[in-house]
Amino acid sequence: MPIDRTNLRYGRVVAQRPCGKNAQEQIVWLCVCDCGTLVYRGDFSKNKSCGCLSRDTCSETGKKNKGQQRPSRAGQGTRHGGARRGKWAPEYKAYCAAKNRCENSKHARYADWGGRGIQFKFASYEDFLTELGPKPTLQHSIDRWPNNDGHYEPGNVRWATAQEQANNKRPRCQNRA
């Protein structure tokens, strides 16, 4: 039986809820760092913060930290979803993918999004994250709902399961006009 880590503290990180499994079949937990950054953890024995502990320690000692994450412009640790070491947060990946489908005419599926007039109307990742919040599980993806023909904008997006996505798509004959 898996350990219930809900509200348990690991250094500066507090586990909130399980949200899927990683490649090693460990349960991955959505956690909140004391600085407010959302992080995902499967292994609680290594990282005790989102990276802010290392930054704080280095700033106190005056030493430079190689590979140190810069604070976000908004100051909320949301740059790339607060990710470190080249790993972006799942929410940030979804943000970039949706924006790219709508705005990059060289994207393989641009015709299905930007090419048919669907726009990405979030001014920043912070706005996107404020509207949607964290992914409920790693299996959820972004969905334009309730209006599937509408834009990616506040009030018309949600995190959806594969089944919800399948129920909210255009009829097959309209996919490529």
Foldseek 3Di string as FASTA:
>chain_A
DDDDQDQPAQQQKGFHAFFAADPVRFTKTFIAGVLGATDIDRDSPPDRGLQVVVVVVCVVVVHDDVQRDDADPVNSCCDLSVHGDPDGALLSVLLVVQQCLQPPPPDPNVCQAVVVPAHAPDPDSVSSCVQEPHANHSQWHKAQPPDNNYHNDRPGIYTDHPVVRVVPDDPPVPRHD
